[in-house]
Amino acid sequence: GAIIPMVMAFGCNVPAVMAAGQLR
């Protein structure tokens, strides 16, 4: 599931870090 924020990071690191903040 962490690949989704990783792929988001190719667009922008900011929302990807926010998504990673929801990891368990």
PDB file of all heavy atoms in Angstrom:
ATOM      1  N   GLY A   1       0.808  -1.215   0.000  1.00  0.00           N
ATOM      2  CA  GLY A   1       0.000   0.000   0.000  1.00  0.00           C
ATOM      3  C   GLY A   1       0.838   1.259   0.000  1.00  0.00           C
ATOM      4  O   GLY A   1       0.375   2.322  -0.444  1.00  0.00           O
ATOM      5  N   ALA A   2       2.082   1.160   0.479  1.00  0.00           N
ATOM      6  CA  ALA A   2       2.960   2.339   0.528  1.00  0.00           C
ATOM      7  C   ALA A   2       3.409   2.776  -0.855  1.00  0.00           C
ATOM      8  O   ALA A   2       3.919   3.886  -1.003  1.00  0.00           O
ATOM      9  CB  ALA A   2       4.182   2.042   1.401  1.00  0.00           C
ATOM     10  N   ILE A   3       3.201   1.922  -1.856  1.00  0.00           N
ATOM     11  CA  ILE A   3       3.615   2.337  -3.201  1.00  0.00           C
ATOM     12  C   ILE A   3       2.721   3.456  -3.718  1.00  0.00           C
ATOM     13  O   ILE A   3       3.117   4.225  -4.598  1.00  0.00           O
ATOM     14  CB  ILE A   3       3.597   1.149  -4.186  1.00  0.00           C
ATOM     15  CG1 ILE A   3       4.463   1.491  -5.407  1.00  0.00           C
ATOM     16  CG2 ILE A   3       2.182   0.797  -4.608  1.00  0.00           C
ATOM     17  CD1 ILE A   3       4.652   0.361  -6.382  1.00  0.00           C
ATOM     18  N   ILE A   4       1.514   3.579  -3.164  1.00  0.00           N
ATOM     19  CA  ILE A   4       0.621   4.646  -3.622  1.00  0.00           C
ATOM     20  C   ILE A   4       1.192   6.018  -3.268  1.00  0.00           C
ATOM     21  O   ILE A   4       1.315   6.880  -4.140  1.00  0.00           O
ATOM     22  CB  ILE A   4      -0.795   4.439  -3.074  1.00  0.00           C
ATOM     23  CG1 ILE A   4      -1.394   3.167  -3.689  1.00  0.00           C
ATOM     24  CG2 ILE A   4      -1.686   5.646  -3.356  1.00  0.00           C
ATOM     25  CD1 ILE A   4      -2.771   2.823  -3.222  1.00  0.00           C
ATOM     26  N   PRO A   5       1.591   6.281  -1.995  1.00  0.00           N
ATOM     27  CA  PRO A   5       2.278   7.557  -1.759  1.00  0.00           C
ATOM     28  C   PRO A   5       3.604   7.664  -2.495  1.00  0.00           C
ATOM     29  O   PRO A   5       4.010   8.762  -2.881  1.00  0.00           O
ATOM     30  CB  PRO A   5       2.483   7.587  -0.233  1.00  0.00           C
ATOM     31  CG  PRO A   5       2.241   6.222   0.255  1.00  0.00           C
ATOM     32  CD  PRO A   5       1.299   5.594  -0.721  1.00  0.00           C
ATOM     33  N   MET A   6       4.273   6.521  -2.743  1.00  0.00           N
ATOM     34  CA  MET A   6       5.527   6.568  -3.503  1.00  0.00           C
ATOM     35  C   MET A   6       5.268   7.025  -4.933  1.00  0.00           C
ATOM     36  O   MET A   6       6.015   7.837  -5.487  1.00  0.00           O
ATOM     37  CB  MET A   6       6.195   5.192  -3.504  1.00  0.00           C
ATOM     38  CG  MET A   6       6.663   4.718  -2.141  1.00  0.00           C
ATOM     39  SD  MET A   6       8.162   5.541  -1.553  1.00  0.00           S
ATOM     40  CE  MET A   6       9.398   4.742  -2.534  1.00  0.00           C
ATOM     41  N   VAL A   7       4.193   6.512  -5.541  1.00  0.00           N
ATOM     42  CA  VAL A   7       3.852   6.934  -6.900  1.00  0.00           C
ATOM     43  C   VAL A   7       3.366   8.379  -6.893  1.00  0.00           C
ATOM     44  O   VAL A   7       3.681   9.169  -7.789  1.00  0.00           O
ATOM     45  CB  VAL A   7       2.785   5.998  -7.509  1.00  0.00           C
ATOM     46  CG1 VAL A   7       2.266   6.555  -8.835  1.00  0.00           C
ATOM     47  CG2 VAL A   7       3.358   4.605  -7.719  1.00  0.00           C
ATOM     48  N   MET A   8       2.600   8.744  -5.857  1.00  0.00           N
ATOM     49  CA  MET A   8       2.168  10.138  -5.723  1.00  0.00           C
ATOM     50  C   MET A   8       3.379  11.067  -5.677  1.00  0.00           C
ATOM     51  O   MET A   8       3.326  12.203  -6.163  1.00  0.00           O
ATOM     52  CB  MET A   8       1.331  10.317  -4.458  1.00  0.00           C
ATOM     53  CG  MET A   8      -0.053   9.709  -4.511  1.00  0.00           C
ATOM     54  SD  MET A   8      -0.883   9.790  -2.912  1.00  0.00           S
ATOM     55  CE  MET A   8      -1.026  11.553  -2.690  1.00  0.00           C
ATOM     56  N   ALA A   9       4.467  10.583  -5.082  1.00  0.00           N
ATOM     57  CA  ALA A   9       5.671  11.412  -4.944  1.00  0.00           C
ATOM     58  C   ALA A   9       6.270  11.771  -6.290  1.00  0.00           C
ATOM     59  O   ALA A   9       6.948  12.793  -6.416  1.00  0.00           O
ATOM     60  CB  ALA A   9       6.711  10.686  -4.082  1.00  0.00           C
ATOM     61  N   PHE A  10       6.031  10.960  -7.320  1.00  0.00           N
ATOM     62  CA  PHE A  10       6.506  11.316  -8.654  1.00  0.00           C
ATOM     63  C   PHE A  10       5.823  12.580  -9.145  1.00  0.00           C
ATOM     64  O   PHE A  10       6.378  13.318  -9.958  1.00  0.00           O
ATOM     65  CB  PHE A  10       6.262  10.175  -9.643  1.00  0.00           C
ATOM     66  CG  PHE A  10       7.282   9.084  -9.576  1.00  0.00           C
ATOM     67  CD1 PHE A  10       7.034   7.924  -8.865  1.00  0.00           C
ATOM     68  CD2 PHE A  10       8.497   9.216 -10.211  1.00  0.00           C
ATOM     69  CE1 PHE A  10       7.974   6.912  -8.799  1.00  0.00           C
ATOM     70  CE2 PHE A  10       9.446   8.218 -10.158  1.00  0.00           C
ATOM     71  CZ  PHE A  10       9.191   7.055  -9.436  1.00  0.00           C
ATOM     72  N   GLY A  11       4.602  12.830  -8.665  1.00  0.00           N
ATOM     73  CA  GLY A  11       3.930  14.084  -8.985  1.00  0.00           C
ATOM     74  C   GLY A  11       4.403  15.205  -8.087  1.00  0.00           C
ATOM     75  O   GLY A  11       4.842  16.254  -8.550  1.00  0.00           O
ATOM     76  N   CYS A  12       4.307  14.983  -6.765  1.00  0.00           N
ATOM     77  CA  CYS A  12       4.747  15.980  -5.792  1.00  0.00           C
ATOM     78  C   CYS A  12       4.997  15.282  -4.471  1.00  0.00           C
ATOM     79  O   CYS A  12       4.176  14.465  -4.032  1.00  0.00           O
ATOM     80  CB  CYS A  12       3.695  17.081  -5.638  1.00  0.00           C
ATOM     81  SG  CYS A  12       4.163  18.360  -4.450  1.00  0.00           S
ATOM     82  N   ASN A  13       6.101  15.601  -3.813  1.00  0.00           N
ATOM     83  CA  ASN A  13       6.431  14.981  -2.533  1.00  0.00           C
ATOM     84  C   ASN A  13       5.499  15.400  -1.410  1.00  0.00           C
ATOM     85  O   ASN A  13       5.313  14.670  -0.438  1.00  0.00           O
ATOM     86  CB  ASN A  13       7.874  15.322  -2.137  1.00  0.00           C
ATOM     87  CG  ASN A  13       8.917  14.600  -2.970  1.00  0.00           C
ATOM     88  OD1 ASN A  13      10.109  14.847  -2.863  1.00  0.00           O
ATOM     89  ND2 ASN A  13       8.476  13.689  -3.843  1.00  0.00           N
ATOM     90  N   VAL A  14       4.897  16.595  -1.524  1.00  0.00           N
ATOM     91  CA  VAL A  14       4.084  17.131  -0.423  1.00  0.00           C
ATOM     92  C   VAL A  14       2.873  16.253  -0.125  1.00  0.00           C
ATOM     93  O   VAL A  14       2.713  15.773   1.007  1.00  0.00           O
ATOM     94  CB  VAL A  14       3.664  18.588  -0.709  1.00  0.00           C
ATOM     95  CG1 VAL A  14       2.662  19.071   0.338  1.00  0.00           C
ATOM     96  CG2 VAL A  14       4.883  19.498  -0.723  1.00  0.00           C
ATOM     97  N   PRO A  15       1.967  15.991  -1.092  1.00  0.00           N
ATOM     98  CA  PRO A  15       0.834  15.111  -0.773  1.00  0.00           C
ATOM     99  C   PRO A  15       1.271  13.690  -0.466  1.00  0.00           C
ATOM    100  O   PRO A  15       0.589  12.974   0.280  1.00  0.00           O
ATOM    101  CB  PRO A  15      -0.038  15.173  -2.036  1.00  0.00           C
ATOM    102  CG  PRO A  15       0.876  15.599  -3.122  1.00  0.00           C
ATOM    103  CD  PRO A  15       1.885  16.488  -2.474  1.00  0.00           C
ATOM    104  N   ALA A  16       2.401  13.266  -1.038  1.00  0.00           N
ATOM    105  CA  ALA A  16       2.895  11.915  -0.760  1.00  0.00           C
ATOM    106  C   ALA A  16       3.299  11.774   0.703  1.00  0.00           C
ATOM    107  O   ALA A  16       3.007  10.760   1.342  1.00  0.00           O
ATOM    108  CB  ALA A  16       4.077  11.599  -1.671  1.00  0.00           C
ATOM    109  N   VAL A  17       3.968  12.787   1.255  1.00  0.00           N
ATOM    110  CA  VAL A  17       4.330  12.757   2.681  1.00  0.00           C
ATOM    111  C   VAL A  17       3.076  12.766   3.549  1.00  0.00           C
ATOM    112  O   VAL A  17       2.992  12.062   4.567  1.00  0.00           O
ATOM    113  CB  VAL A  17       5.245  13.952   3.036  1.00  0.00           C
ATOM    114  CG1 VAL A  17       5.451  14.041   4.545  1.00  0.00           C
ATOM    115  CG2 VAL A  17       6.594  13.816   2.342  1.00  0.00           C
ATOM    116  N   MET A  18       2.076  13.541   3.151  1.00  0.00           N
ATOM    117  CA  MET A  18       0.820  13.569   3.903  1.00  0.00           C
ATOM    118  C   MET A  18       0.136  12.207   3.875  1.00  0.00           C
ATOM    119  O   MET A  18      -0.398  11.744   4.886  1.00  0.00           O
ATOM    120  CB  MET A  18      -0.111  14.640   3.324  1.00  0.00           C
ATOM    121  CG  MET A  18       0.422  16.057   3.495  1.00  0.00           C
ATOM    122  SD  MET A  18      -0.609  17.305   2.700  1.00  0.00           S
ATOM    123  CE  MET A  18      -2.075  17.210   3.709  1.00  0.00           C
ATOM    124  N   ALA A  19       0.174  11.536   2.726  1.00  0.00           N
ATOM    125  CA  ALA A  19      -0.396  10.193   2.624  1.00  0.00           C
ATOM    126  C   ALA A  19       0.394   9.201   3.464  1.00  0.00           C
ATOM    127  O   ALA A  19      -0.178   8.317   4.111  1.00  0.00           O
ATOM    128  CB  ALA A  19      -0.429   9.752   1.160  1.00  0.00           C
ATOM    129  N   ALA A  20       1.714   9.352   3.482  1.00  0.00           N
ATOM    130  CA  ALA A  20       2.555   8.459   4.282  1.00  0.00           C
ATOM    131  C   ALA A  20       2.293   8.642   5.768  1.00  0.00           C
ATOM    132  O   ALA A  20       2.481   7.721   6.568  1.00  0.00           O
ATOM    133  CB  ALA A  20       4.034   8.708   3.980  1.00  0.00           C
ATOM    134  N   GLY A  21       1.836   9.846   6.162  1.00  0.00           N
ATOM    135  CA  GLY A  21       1.509  10.099   7.564  1.00  0.00           C
ATOM    136  C   GLY A  21       0.373   9.246   8.067  1.00  0.00           C
ATOM    137  O   GLY A  21       0.159   9.132   9.285  1.00  0.00           O
ATOM    138  N   GLN A  22      -0.399   8.628   7.128  1.00  0.00           N
ATOM    139  CA  GLN A  22      -1.520   7.766   7.526  1.00  0.00           C
ATOM    140  C   GLN A  22      -1.118   6.300   7.643  1.00  0.00           C
ATOM    141  O   GLN A  22      -1.980   5.459   7.956  1.00  0.00           O
ATOM    142  CB  GLN A  22      -2.659   7.901   6.504  1.00  0.00           C
ATOM    143  CG  GLN A  22      -3.089   9.327   6.217  1.00  0.00           C
ATOM    144  CD  GLN A  22      -3.482  10.077   7.469  1.00  0.00           C
ATOM    145  OE1 GLN A  22      -4.199   9.550   8.318  1.00  0.00           O
ATOM    146  NE2 GLN A  22      -2.996  11.310   7.604  1.00  0.00           N
ATOM    147  N   LEU A  23       0.154   5.970   7.383  1.00  0.00           N
ATOM    148  CA  LEU A  23       0.599   4.591   7.543  1.00  0.00           C
ATOM    149  C   LEU A  23       0.482   4.173   9.003  1.00  0.00           C
ATOM    150  O   LEU A  23       0.474   4.998   9.919  1.00  0.00           O
ATOM    151  CB  LEU A  23       2.037   4.433   7.049  1.00  0.00           C
ATOM    152  CG  LEU A  23       2.230   4.623   5.539  1.00  0.00           C
ATOM    153  CD1 LEU A  23       3.710   4.505   5.174  1.00  0.00           C
ATOM    154  CD2 LEU A  23       1.418   3.607   4.740  1.00  0.00           C
ATOM    155  N   ARG A  24       0.427   2.882   9.224  1.00  0.00           N
ATOM    156  CA  ARG A  24      -0.025   2.358  10.520  1.00  0.00           C
ATOM    157  C   ARG A  24       0.949   2.581  11.668  1.00  0.00           C
ATOM    158  O   ARG A  24       0.541   2.880  12.780  1.00  0.00           O
ATOM    159  CB  ARG A  24      -0.308   0.855  10.363  1.00  0.00           C
ATOM    160  CG  ARG A  24      -0.969   0.229  11.570  1.00  0.00           C
ATOM    161  CD  ARG A  24      -1.491  -1.154  11.249  1.00  0.00           C
ATOM    162  NE  ARG A  24      -2.133  -1.754  12.403  1.00  0.00           N
ATOM    163  CZ  ARG A  24      -2.706  -2.947  12.383  1.00  0.00           C
ATOM    164  NH1 ARG A  24      -2.726  -3.644  11.267  1.00  0.00           N
ATOM    165  NH2 ARG A  24      -3.263  -3.448  13.468  1.00  0.00           N
TER     166      ARG A  24
END
